[in-house]
């Protein structure tokens, strides 16, 4: 039987289809702490604000549970994972060598 040994982390906002960042307008916001939502209910601040406030929608775009912007929380664990992945990517890059 196949066994899952790795999990791929996805830091793309499902609304904007843009990579989230650990701070600023693309920082992760979550509804996962609310009843009816799943751990996949994580969005960029900009994306979920435009979804709920700008478009006057009242449902989570992932699970369709009723949601308001004021009930969302910053998703600090996802922000830490984004920061860690950025540092890991920096470690994988070769050091730049000055060109004369």
PDB file of N, CA and C in Angstrom:
ATOM      1  N   UNK A   1       0.838  -1.190   0.000  1.00  0.00           N
ATOM      2  CA  UNK A   1       0.000   0.000   0.000  1.00  0.00           C
ATOM      3  C   UNK A   1       0.882   1.252   0.000  1.00  0.00           C
ATOM      4  N   UNK A   2       0.500   2.253  -0.795  1.00  0.00           N
ATOM      5  CA  UNK A   2       1.269   3.499  -0.807  1.00  0.00           C
ATOM      6  C   UNK A   2       1.121   4.230   0.530  1.00  0.00           C
ATOM      7  N   UNK A   3       2.208   4.853   0.954  1.00  0.00           N
ATOM      8  CA  UNK A   3       2.216   5.618   2.188  1.00  0.00           C
ATOM      9  C   UNK A   3       2.710   7.016   1.865  1.00  0.00           C
ATOM     10  N   UNK A   4       1.984   8.015   2.351  1.00  0.00           N
ATOM     11  CA  UNK A   4       2.400   9.397   2.132  1.00  0.00           C
ATOM     12  C   UNK A   4       3.523   9.725   3.110  1.00  0.00           C
ATOM     13  N   UNK A   5       4.659  10.140   2.577  1.00  0.00           N
ATOM     14  CA  UNK A   5       5.801  10.435   3.431  1.00  0.00           C
ATOM     15  C   UNK A   5       6.157  11.910   3.461  1.00  0.00           C
ATOM     16  N   UNK A   6       5.619  12.681   2.542  1.00  0.00           N
ATOM     17  CA  UNK A   6       5.905  14.110   2.512  1.00  0.00           C
ATOM     18  C   UNK A   6       4.623  14.880   2.261  1.00  0.00           C
ATOM     19  N   UNK A   7       4.588  16.075   2.798  1.00  0.00           N
ATOM     20  CA  UNK A   7       3.459  16.954   2.548  1.00  0.00           C
ATOM     21  C   UNK A   7       3.986  18.191   1.837  1.00  0.00           C
ATOM     22  N   UNK A   8       3.342  18.561   0.770  1.00  0.00           N
ATOM     23  CA  UNK A   8       3.727  19.759   0.043  1.00  0.00           C
ATOM     24  C   UNK A   8       2.966  20.940   0.614  1.00  0.00           C
ATOM     25  N   UNK A   9       3.699  21.974   1.009  1.00  0.00           N
ATOM     26  CA  UNK A   9       3.059  23.171   1.534  1.00  0.00           C
ATOM     27  C   UNK A   9       2.796  24.119   0.383  1.00  0.00           C
ATOM     28  N   UNK A  10       1.599  24.647   0.344  1.00  0.00           N
ATOM     29  CA  UNK A  10       1.203  25.565  -0.709  1.00  0.00           C
ATOM     30  C   UNK A  10       0.938  26.921  -0.071  1.00  0.00           C
ATOM     31  N   UNK A  11       1.693  27.917  -0.466  1.00  0.00           N
ATOM     32  CA  UNK A  11       1.539  29.252   0.089  1.00  0.00           C
ATOM     33  C   UNK A  11       0.864  30.199  -0.902  1.00  0.00           C
ATOM     34  N   UNK A  12       0.056  29.667  -1.792  1.00  0.00           N
ATOM     35  CA  UNK A  12      -0.655  30.475  -2.774  1.00  0.00           C
ATOM     36  C   UNK A  12      -2.036  30.828  -2.246  1.00  0.00           C
ATOM     37  N   UNK A  13      -2.376  32.100  -2.287  1.00  0.00           N
ATOM     38  CA  UNK A  13      -3.716  32.536  -1.895  1.00  0.00           C
ATOM     39  C   UNK A  13      -4.708  31.983  -2.914  1.00  0.00           C
ATOM     40  N   UNK A  14      -5.722  31.234  -2.466  1.00  0.00           N
ATOM     41  CA  UNK A  14      -6.667  30.651  -3.421  1.00  0.00           C
ATOM     42  C   UNK A  14      -7.536  31.692  -4.131  1.00  0.00           C
ATOM     43  N   UNK A  15      -7.585  32.892  -3.616  1.00  0.00           N
ATOM     44  CA  UNK A  15      -8.394  33.944  -4.242  1.00  0.00           C
ATOM     45  C   UNK A  15      -7.578  34.681  -5.303  1.00  0.00           C
ATOM     46  N   UNK A  16      -6.399  35.163  -4.925  1.00  0.00           N
ATOM     47  CA  UNK A  16      -5.572  35.966  -5.837  1.00  0.00           C
ATOM     48  C   UNK A  16      -4.659  35.116  -6.715  1.00  0.00           C
ATOM     49  N   UNK A  17      -4.455  33.842  -6.351  1.00  0.00           N
ATOM     50  CA  UNK A  17      -3.517  32.971  -7.059  1.00  0.00           C
ATOM     51  C   UNK A  17      -2.117  33.588  -7.073  1.00  0.00           C
ATOM     52  N   UNK A  18      -1.743  34.175  -5.930  1.00  0.00           N
ATOM     53  CA  UNK A  18      -0.449  34.806  -5.733  1.00  0.00           C
ATOM     54  C   UNK A  18       0.178  34.230  -4.473  1.00  0.00           C
ATOM     55  N   UNK A  19       1.479  34.105  -4.453  1.00  0.00           N
ATOM     56  CA  UNK A  19       2.158  33.592  -3.263  1.00  0.00           C
ATOM     57  C   UNK A  19       1.981  34.567  -2.108  1.00  0.00           C
ATOM     58  N   UNK A  20       1.611  34.024  -0.952  1.00  0.00           N
ATOM     59  CA  UNK A  20       1.482  34.851   0.251  1.00  0.00           C
ATOM     60  C   UNK A  20       2.872  35.160   0.792  1.00  0.00           C
ATOM     61  N   UNK A  21       2.966  36.216   1.597  1.00  0.00           N
ATOM     62  CA  UNK A  21       4.218  36.560   2.259  1.00  0.00           C
ATOM     63  C   UNK A  21       3.992  36.494   3.766  1.00  0.00           C
ATOM     64  N   UNK A  22       5.061  36.590   4.524  1.00  0.00           N
ATOM     65  CA  UNK A  22       4.914  36.463   5.973  1.00  0.00           C
ATOM     66  C   UNK A  22       4.403  37.744   6.633  1.00  0.00           C
ATOM     67  N   UNK A  23       4.346  38.851   5.887  1.00  0.00           N
ATOM     68  CA  UNK A  23       3.833  40.114   6.442  1.00  0.00           C
ATOM     69  C   UNK A  23       3.303  40.978   5.312  1.00  0.00           C
ATOM     70  N   UNK A  24       2.684  42.073   5.662  1.00  0.00           N
ATOM     71  CA  UNK A  24       2.137  42.980   4.666  1.00  0.00           C
ATOM     72  C   UNK A  24       0.772  42.552   4.170  1.00  0.00           C
ATOM     73  N   UNK A  25       0.345  43.102   3.059  1.00  0.00           N
ATOM     74  CA  UNK A  25      -1.012  42.839   2.562  1.00  0.00           C
ATOM     75  C   UNK A  25      -1.198  41.413   2.050  1.00  0.00           C
ATOM     76  N   UNK A  26      -0.105  40.695   1.841  1.00  0.00           N
ATOM     77  CA  UNK A  26      -0.209  39.302   1.399  1.00  0.00           C
ATOM     78  C   UNK A  26       0.025  38.315   2.552  1.00  0.00           C
ATOM     79  N   UNK A  27      -0.013  38.816   3.798  1.00  0.00           N
ATOM     80  CA  UNK A  27       0.151  37.934   4.956  1.00  0.00           C
ATOM     81  C   UNK A  27      -1.035  36.985   5.064  1.00  0.00           C
ATOM     82  N   UNK A  28      -0.817  35.795   5.604  1.00  0.00           N
ATOM     83  CA  UNK A  28      -1.907  34.819   5.685  1.00  0.00           C
ATOM     84  C   UNK A  28      -2.932  35.142   6.766  1.00  0.00           C
ATOM     85  N   UNK A  29      -4.192  34.992   6.416  1.00  0.00           N
ATOM     86  CA  UNK A  29      -5.317  35.134   7.338  1.00  0.00           C
ATOM     87  C   UNK A  29      -6.065  33.810   7.314  1.00  0.00           C
ATOM     88  N   UNK A  30      -6.632  33.431   8.456  1.00  0.00           N
ATOM     89  CA  UNK A  30      -7.258  32.118   8.533  1.00  0.00           C
ATOM     90  C   UNK A  30      -8.651  32.184   9.151  1.00  0.00           C
ATOM     91  N   UNK A  31      -9.499  31.291   8.664  1.00  0.00           N
ATOM     92  CA  UNK A  31     -10.817  31.067   9.249  1.00  0.00           C
ATOM     93  C   UNK A  31     -10.871  29.698   9.897  1.00  0.00           C
ATOM     94  N   UNK A  32      -9.747  28.971   9.897  1.00  0.00           N
ATOM     95  CA  UNK A  32      -9.724  27.582  10.356  1.00  0.00           C
ATOM     96  C   UNK A  32     -10.087  27.432  11.828  1.00  0.00           C
ATOM     97  N   UNK A  33      -9.958  28.490  12.620  1.00  0.00           N
ATOM     98  CA  UNK A  33     -10.299  28.415  14.045  1.00  0.00           C
ATOM     99  C   UNK A  33     -11.814  28.474  14.278  1.00  0.00           C
ATOM    100  N   UNK A  34     -12.570  28.792  13.239  1.00  0.00           N
ATOM    101  CA  UNK A  34     -14.022  28.934  13.362  1.00  0.00           C
ATOM    102  C   UNK A  34     -14.733  27.622  13.033  1.00  0.00           C
ATOM    103  N   UNK A  35     -15.869  27.370  13.677  1.00  0.00           N
ATOM    104  CA  UNK A  35     -16.626  26.139  13.379  1.00  0.00           C
ATOM    105  C   UNK A  35     -17.023  26.070  11.903  1.00  0.00           C
ATOM    106  N   UNK A  36     -16.877  24.883  11.337  1.00  0.00           N
ATOM    107  CA  UNK A  36     -17.273  24.654   9.952  1.00  0.00           C
ATOM    108  C   UNK A  36     -16.170  24.844   8.937  1.00  0.00           C
ATOM    109  N   UNK A  37     -15.085  25.497   9.337  1.00  0.00           N
ATOM    110  CA  UNK A  37     -13.974  25.746   8.414  1.00  0.00           C
ATOM    111  C   UNK A  37     -12.948  24.627   8.514  1.00  0.00           C
ATOM    112  N   UNK A  38     -12.121  24.518   7.499  1.00  0.00           N
ATOM    113  CA  UNK A  38     -11.075  23.493   7.458  1.00  0.00           C
ATOM    114  C   UNK A  38      -9.699  24.152   7.541  1.00  0.00           C
ATOM    115  N   UNK A  39      -8.643  23.382   7.768  1.00  0.00           N
ATOM    116  CA  UNK A  39      -7.290  23.947   7.766  1.00  0.00           C
ATOM    117  C   UNK A  39      -6.904  24.568   6.420  1.00  0.00           C
ATOM    118  N   UNK A  40      -7.630  24.255   5.365  1.00  0.00           N
ATOM    119  CA  UNK A  40      -7.349  24.832   4.039  1.00  0.00           C
ATOM    120  C   UNK A  40      -7.901  26.248   3.893  1.00  0.00           C
ATOM    121  N   UNK A  41      -8.657  26.727   4.876  1.00  0.00           N
ATOM    122  CA  UNK A  41      -9.268  28.065   4.812  1.00  0.00           C
ATOM    123  C   UNK A  41      -8.255  29.126   5.232  1.00  0.00           C
ATOM    124  N   UNK A  42      -7.209  29.295   4.430  1.00  0.00           N
ATOM    125  CA  UNK A  42      -6.155  30.286   4.664  1.00  0.00           C
ATOM    126  C   UNK A  42      -6.003  31.095   3.383  1.00  0.00           C
ATOM    127  N   UNK A  43      -5.983  32.421   3.531  1.00  0.00           N
ATOM    128  CA  UNK A  43      -5.965  33.338   2.388  1.00  0.00           C
ATOM    129  C   UNK A  43      -5.029  34.498   2.689  1.00  0.00           C
ATOM    130  N   UNK A  44      -4.634  35.232   1.661  1.00  0.00           N
ATOM    131  CA  UNK A  44      -3.889  36.463   1.905  1.00  0.00           C
ATOM    132  C   UNK A  44      -4.871  37.507   2.440  1.00  0.00           C
ATOM    133  N   UNK A  45      -4.352  38.417   3.235  1.00  0.00           N
ATOM    134  CA  UNK A  45      -5.174  39.503   3.785  1.00  0.00           C
ATOM    135  C   UNK A  45      -5.862  40.264   2.652  1.00  0.00           C
ATOM    136  N   UNK A  46      -5.104  40.605   1.638  1.00  0.00           N
ATOM    137  CA  UNK A  46      -5.647  41.353   0.499  1.00  0.00           C
ATOM    138  C   UNK A  46      -6.737  40.560  -0.217  1.00  0.00           C
ATOM    139  N   UNK A  47      -6.504  39.276  -0.426  1.00  0.00           N
ATOM    140  CA  UNK A  47      -7.464  38.440  -1.146  1.00  0.00           C
ATOM    141  C   UNK A  47      -8.772  38.275  -0.404  1.00  0.00           C
ATOM    142  N   UNK A  48      -8.701  37.924   0.881  1.00  0.00           N
ATOM    143  CA  UNK A  48      -9.940  37.674   1.621  1.00  0.00           C
ATOM    144  C   UNK A  48     -10.672  38.983   1.915  1.00  0.00           C
ATOM    145  N   UNK A  49      -9.939  40.076   2.053  1.00  0.00           N
ATOM    146  CA  UNK A  49     -10.596  41.377   2.251  1.00  0.00           C
ATOM    147  C   UNK A  49     -11.384  41.754   0.998  1.00  0.00           C
ATOM    148  N   UNK A  50     -10.772  41.576  -0.164  1.00  0.00           N
ATOM    149  CA  UNK A  50     -11.497  41.909  -1.401  1.00  0.00           C
ATOM    150  C   UNK A  50     -12.678  40.960  -1.610  1.00  0.00           C
ATOM    151  N   UNK A  51     -12.535  39.704  -1.196  1.00  0.00           N
ATOM    152  CA  UNK A  51     -13.606  38.714  -1.350  1.00  0.00           C
ATOM    153  C   UNK A  51     -14.800  39.056  -0.455  1.00  0.00           C
ATOM    154  N   UNK A  52     -14.540  39.316   0.831  1.00  0.00           N
ATOM    155  CA  UNK A  52     -15.627  39.505   1.790  1.00  0.00           C
ATOM    156  C   UNK A  52     -16.141  40.942   1.860  1.00  0.00           C
ATOM    157  N   UNK A  53     -15.235  41.907   1.802  1.00  0.00           N
ATOM    158  CA  UNK A  53     -15.625  43.306   1.982  1.00  0.00           C
ATOM    159  C   UNK A  53     -15.886  43.978   0.637  1.00  0.00           C
ATOM    160  N   UNK A  54     -14.934  43.861  -0.271  1.00  0.00           N
ATOM    161  CA  UNK A  54     -15.053  44.526  -1.567  1.00  0.00           C
ATOM    162  C   UNK A  54     -16.191  43.989  -2.415  1.00  0.00           C
ATOM    163  N   UNK A  55     -16.426  42.697  -2.357  1.00  0.00           N
ATOM    164  CA  UNK A  55     -17.473  42.092  -3.183  1.00  0.00           C
ATOM    165  C   UNK A  55     -18.758  41.815  -2.412  1.00  0.00           C
ATOM    166  N   UNK A  56     -18.725  42.119  -1.110  1.00  0.00           N
ATOM    167  CA  UNK A  56     -19.894  41.923  -0.230  1.00  0.00           C
ATOM    168  C   UNK A  56     -20.379  40.482  -0.204  1.00  0.00           C
ATOM    169  N   UNK A  57     -19.446  39.567  -0.321  1.00  0.00           N
ATOM    170  CA  UNK A  57     -19.792  38.153  -0.166  1.00  0.00           C
ATOM    171  C   UNK A  57     -19.784  37.835   1.328  1.00  0.00           C
ATOM    172  N   UNK A  58     -20.432  36.750   1.704  1.00  0.00           N
ATOM    173  CA  UNK A  58     -20.484  36.409   3.124  1.00  0.00           C
ATOM    174  C   UNK A  58     -20.162  34.943   3.378  1.00  0.00           C
ATOM    175  N   UNK A  59     -19.473  34.308   2.418  1.00  0.00           N
ATOM    176  CA  UNK A  59     -19.102  32.902   2.572  1.00  0.00           C
ATOM    177  C   UNK A  59     -17.612  32.716   2.341  1.00  0.00           C
ATOM    178  N   UNK A  60     -17.059  31.756   3.042  1.00  0.00           N
ATOM    179  CA  UNK A  60     -15.669  31.357   2.814  1.00  0.00           C
ATOM    180  C   UNK A  60     -15.552  30.825   1.385  1.00  0.00           C
ATOM    181  N   UNK A  61     -14.568  31.289   0.616  1.00  0.00           N
ATOM    182  CA  UNK A  61     -14.431  30.816  -0.766  1.00  0.00           C
ATOM    183  C   UNK A  61     -14.006  29.351  -0.881  1.00  0.00           C
ATOM    184  N   UNK A  62     -13.511  28.748   0.187  1.00  0.00           N
ATOM    185  CA  UNK A  62     -13.073  27.353   0.137  1.00  0.00           C
ATOM    186  C   UNK A  62     -14.185  26.409   0.581  1.00  0.00           C
ATOM    187  N   UNK A  63     -14.777  26.670   1.758  1.00  0.00           N
ATOM    188  CA  UNK A  63     -15.737  25.705   2.319  1.00  0.00           C
ATOM    189  C   UNK A  63     -17.183  26.208   2.319  1.00  0.00           C
ATOM    190  N   UNK A  64     -17.386  27.447   1.898  1.00  0.00           N
ATOM    191  CA  UNK A  64     -18.726  28.051   1.774  1.00  0.00           C
ATOM    192  C   UNK A  64     -19.431  28.283   3.114  1.00  0.00           C
ATOM    193  N   UNK A  65     -18.704  28.212   4.228  1.00  0.00           N
ATOM    194  CA  UNK A  65     -19.264  28.501   5.540  1.00  0.00           C
ATOM    195  C   UNK A  65     -19.438  30.011   5.677  1.00  0.00           C
ATOM    196  N   UNK A  66     -20.555  30.475   6.263  1.00  0.00           N
ATOM    197  CA  UNK A  66     -20.725  31.921   6.476  1.00  0.00           C
ATOM    198  C   UNK A  66     -19.536  32.509   7.247  1.00  0.00           C
ATOM    199  N   UNK A  67     -19.028  33.640   6.760  1.00  0.00           N
ATOM    200  CA  UNK A  67     -17.808  34.236   7.304  1.00  0.00           C
ATOM    201  C   UNK A  67     -17.874  35.755   7.190  1.00  0.00           C
ATOM    202  N   UNK A  68     -17.321  36.444   8.173  1.00  0.00           N
ATOM    203  CA  UNK A  68     -17.120  37.887   8.068  1.00  0.00           C
ATOM    204  C   UNK A  68     -15.636  38.175   8.237  1.00  0.00           C
ATOM    205  N   UNK A  69     -15.188  39.278   7.676  1.00  0.00           N
ATOM    206  CA  UNK A  69     -13.769  39.619   7.743  1.00  0.00           C
ATOM    207  C   UNK A  69     -13.312  39.795   9.181  1.00  0.00           C
ATOM    208  N   UNK A  70     -14.172  40.356  10.024  1.00  0.00           N
ATOM    209  CA  UNK A  70     -13.789  40.634  11.413  1.00  0.00           C
ATOM    210  C   UNK A  70     -13.548  39.373  12.240  1.00  0.00           C
ATOM    211  N   UNK A  71     -14.021  38.219  11.791  1.00  0.00           N
ATOM    212  CA  UNK A  71     -13.820  36.981  12.551  1.00  0.00           C
ATOM    213  C   UNK A  71     -12.519  36.271  12.184  1.00  0.00           C
ATOM    214  N   UNK A  72     -11.850  36.716  11.132  1.00  0.00           N
ATOM    215  CA  UNK A  72     -10.606  36.071  10.703  1.00  0.00           C
ATOM    216  C   UNK A  72      -9.450  36.464  11.619  1.00  0.00           C
ATOM    217  N   UNK A  73      -8.440  35.609  11.663  1.00  0.00           N
ATOM    218  CA  UNK A  73      -7.231  35.881  12.440  1.00  0.00           C
ATOM    219  C   UNK A  73      -6.016  35.757  11.543  1.00  0.00           C
ATOM    220  N   UNK A  74      -4.963  36.492  11.917  1.00  0.00           N
ATOM    221  CA  UNK A  74      -3.703  36.296  11.214  1.00  0.00           C
ATOM    222  C   UNK A  74      -3.239  34.878  11.494  1.00  0.00           C
ATOM    223  N   UNK A  75      -2.750  34.216  10.488  1.00  0.00           N
ATOM    224  CA  UNK A  75      -2.303  32.828  10.611  1.00  0.00           C
ATOM    225  C   UNK A  75      -0.791  32.839  10.825  1.00  0.00           C
ATOM    226  N   UNK A  76      -0.390  32.963  12.088  1.00  0.00           N
ATOM    227  CA  UNK A  76       1.028  33.107  12.415  1.00  0.00           C
ATOM    228  C   UNK A  76       1.832  31.855  12.094  1.00  0.00           C
ATOM    229  N   UNK A  77       1.206  30.677  12.221  1.00  0.00           N
ATOM    230  CA  UNK A  77       1.946  29.443  11.911  1.00  0.00           C
ATOM    231  C   UNK A  77       2.286  29.380  10.417  1.00  0.00           C
ATOM    232  N   UNK A  78       1.361  29.789   9.564  1.00  0.00           N
ATOM    233  CA  UNK A  78       1.641  29.806   8.128  1.00  0.00           C
ATOM    234  C   UNK A  78       2.686  30.869   7.804  1.00  0.00           C
ATOM    235  N   UNK A  79       2.616  32.017   8.470  1.00  0.00           N
ATOM    236  CA  UNK A  79       3.626  33.067   8.263  1.00  0.00           C
ATOM    237  C   UNK A  79       5.016  32.540   8.618  1.00  0.00           C
ATOM    238  N   UNK A  80       5.123  31.789   9.723  1.00  0.00           N
ATOM    239  CA  UNK A  80       6.419  31.204  10.107  1.00  0.00           C
ATOM    240  C   UNK A  80       6.901  30.208   9.049  1.00  0.00           C
ATOM    241  N   UNK A  81       5.976  29.399   8.519  1.00  0.00           N
ATOM    242  CA  UNK A  81       6.349  28.436   7.486  1.00  0.00           C
ATOM    243  C   UNK A  81       6.811  29.146   6.216  1.00  0.00           C
ATOM    244  N   UNK A  82       6.159  30.234   5.863  1.00  0.00           N
ATOM    245  CA  UNK A  82       6.565  31.018   4.689  1.00  0.00           C
ATOM    246  C   UNK A  82       7.974  31.571   4.898  1.00  0.00           C
ATOM    247  N   UNK A  83       8.219  32.129   6.103  1.00  0.00           N
ATOM    248  CA  UNK A  83       9.543  32.666   6.429  1.00  0.00           C
ATOM    249  C   UNK A  83      10.600  31.565   6.355  1.00  0.00           C
ATOM    250  N   UNK A  84      10.290  30.407   6.924  1.00  0.00           N
ATOM    251  CA  UNK A  84      11.237  29.286   6.908  1.00  0.00           C
ATOM    252  C   UNK A  84      11.530  28.815   5.493  1.00  0.00           C
ATOM    253  N   UNK A  85      10.499  28.751   4.668  1.00  0.00           N
ATOM    254  CA  UNK A  85      10.710  28.287   3.291  1.00  0.00           C
ATOM    255  C   UNK A  85      11.537  29.295   2.510  1.00  0.00           C
ATOM    256  N   UNK A  86      11.371  30.574   2.801  1.00  0.00           N
ATOM    257  CA  UNK A  86      12.165  31.596   2.113  1.00  0.00           C
ATOM    258  C   UNK A  86      13.630  31.483   2.519  1.00  0.00           C
ATOM    259  N   UNK A  87      13.882  31.227   3.820  1.00  0.00           N
ATOM    260  CA  UNK A  87      15.263  31.061   4.280  1.00  0.00           C
ATOM    261  C   UNK A  87      15.884  29.798   3.696  1.00  0.00           C
ATOM    262  N   UNK A  88      15.111  28.726   3.608  1.00  0.00           N
ATOM    263  CA  UNK A  88      15.615  27.480   3.022  1.00  0.00           C
ATOM    264  C   UNK A  88      15.951  27.683   1.548  1.00  0.00           C
ATOM    265  N   UNK A  89      15.126  28.430   0.841  1.00  0.00           N
ATOM    266  CA  UNK A  89      15.386  28.705  -0.573  1.00  0.00           C
ATOM    267  C   UNK A  89      16.648  29.545  -0.722  1.00  0.00           C
ATOM    268  N   UNK A  90      16.853  30.503   0.204  1.00  0.00           N
ATOM    269  CA  UNK A  90      18.069  31.319   0.163  1.00  0.00           C
ATOM    270  C   UNK A  90      19.306  30.457   0.390  1.00  0.00           C
ATOM    271  N   UNK A  91      19.193  29.458   1.281  1.00  0.00           N
ATOM    272  CA  UNK A  91      20.318  28.574   1.557  1.00  0.00           C
ATOM    273  C   UNK A  91      20.662  27.701   0.357  1.00  0.00           C
ATOM    274  N   UNK A  92      19.660  27.403  -0.486  1.00  0.00           N
ATOM    275  CA  UNK A  92      19.883  26.567  -1.663  1.00  0.00           C
ATOM    276  C   UNK A  92      20.523  27.333  -2.818  1.00  0.00           C
ATOM    277  N   UNK A  93      20.459  28.654  -2.761  1.00  0.00           N
ATOM    278  CA  UNK A  93      21.005  29.465  -3.844  1.00  0.00           C
ATOM    279  C   UNK A  93      22.515  29.600  -3.677  1.00  0.00           C
ATOM    280  N   UNK A  94      23.275  29.473  -4.762  1.00  0.00           N
ATOM    281  CA  UNK A  94      24.726  29.674  -4.666  1.00  0.00           C
ATOM    282  C   UNK A  94      25.008  31.151  -4.391  1.00  0.00           C
ATOM    283  N   UNK A  95      26.098  31.385  -3.674  1.00  0.00           N
ATOM    284  CA  UNK A  95      26.483  32.764  -3.394  1.00  0.00           C
ATOM    285  C   UNK A  95      26.864  33.461  -4.710  1.00  0.00           C
ATOM    286  N   UNK A  96      26.476  34.711  -4.807  1.00  0.00           N
ATOM    287  CA  UNK A  96      26.812  35.483  -6.006  1.00  0.00           C
ATOM    288  C   UNK A  96      28.300  35.809  -5.992  1.00  0.00           C
ATOM    289  N   UNK A  97      28.920  35.648  -7.115  1.00  0.00           N
ATOM    290  CA  UNK A  97      30.331  35.970  -7.257  1.00  0.00           C
ATOM    291  C   UNK A  97      30.432  37.269  -8.050  1.00  0.00           C
ATOM    292  N   UNK A  98      31.156  38.258  -7.509  1.00  0.00           N
ATOM    293  CA  UNK A  98      31.281  39.515  -8.242  1.00  0.00           C
ATOM    294  C   UNK A  98      31.972  39.319  -9.589  1.00  0.00           C
ATOM    295  N   UNK A  99      31.503  40.037 -10.567  1.00  0.00           N
ATOM    296  CA  UNK A  99      32.099  39.981 -11.899  1.00  0.00           C
ATOM    297  C   UNK A  99      32.945  41.207 -12.104  1.00  0.00           C
ATOM    298  N   UNK A 100      34.187  41.002 -12.601  1.00  0.00           N
ATOM    299  CA  UNK A 100      35.086  42.149 -12.829  1.00  0.00           C
ATOM    300  C   UNK A 100      34.819  42.770 -14.159  1.00  0.00           C
TER     301      UNK A 100
END
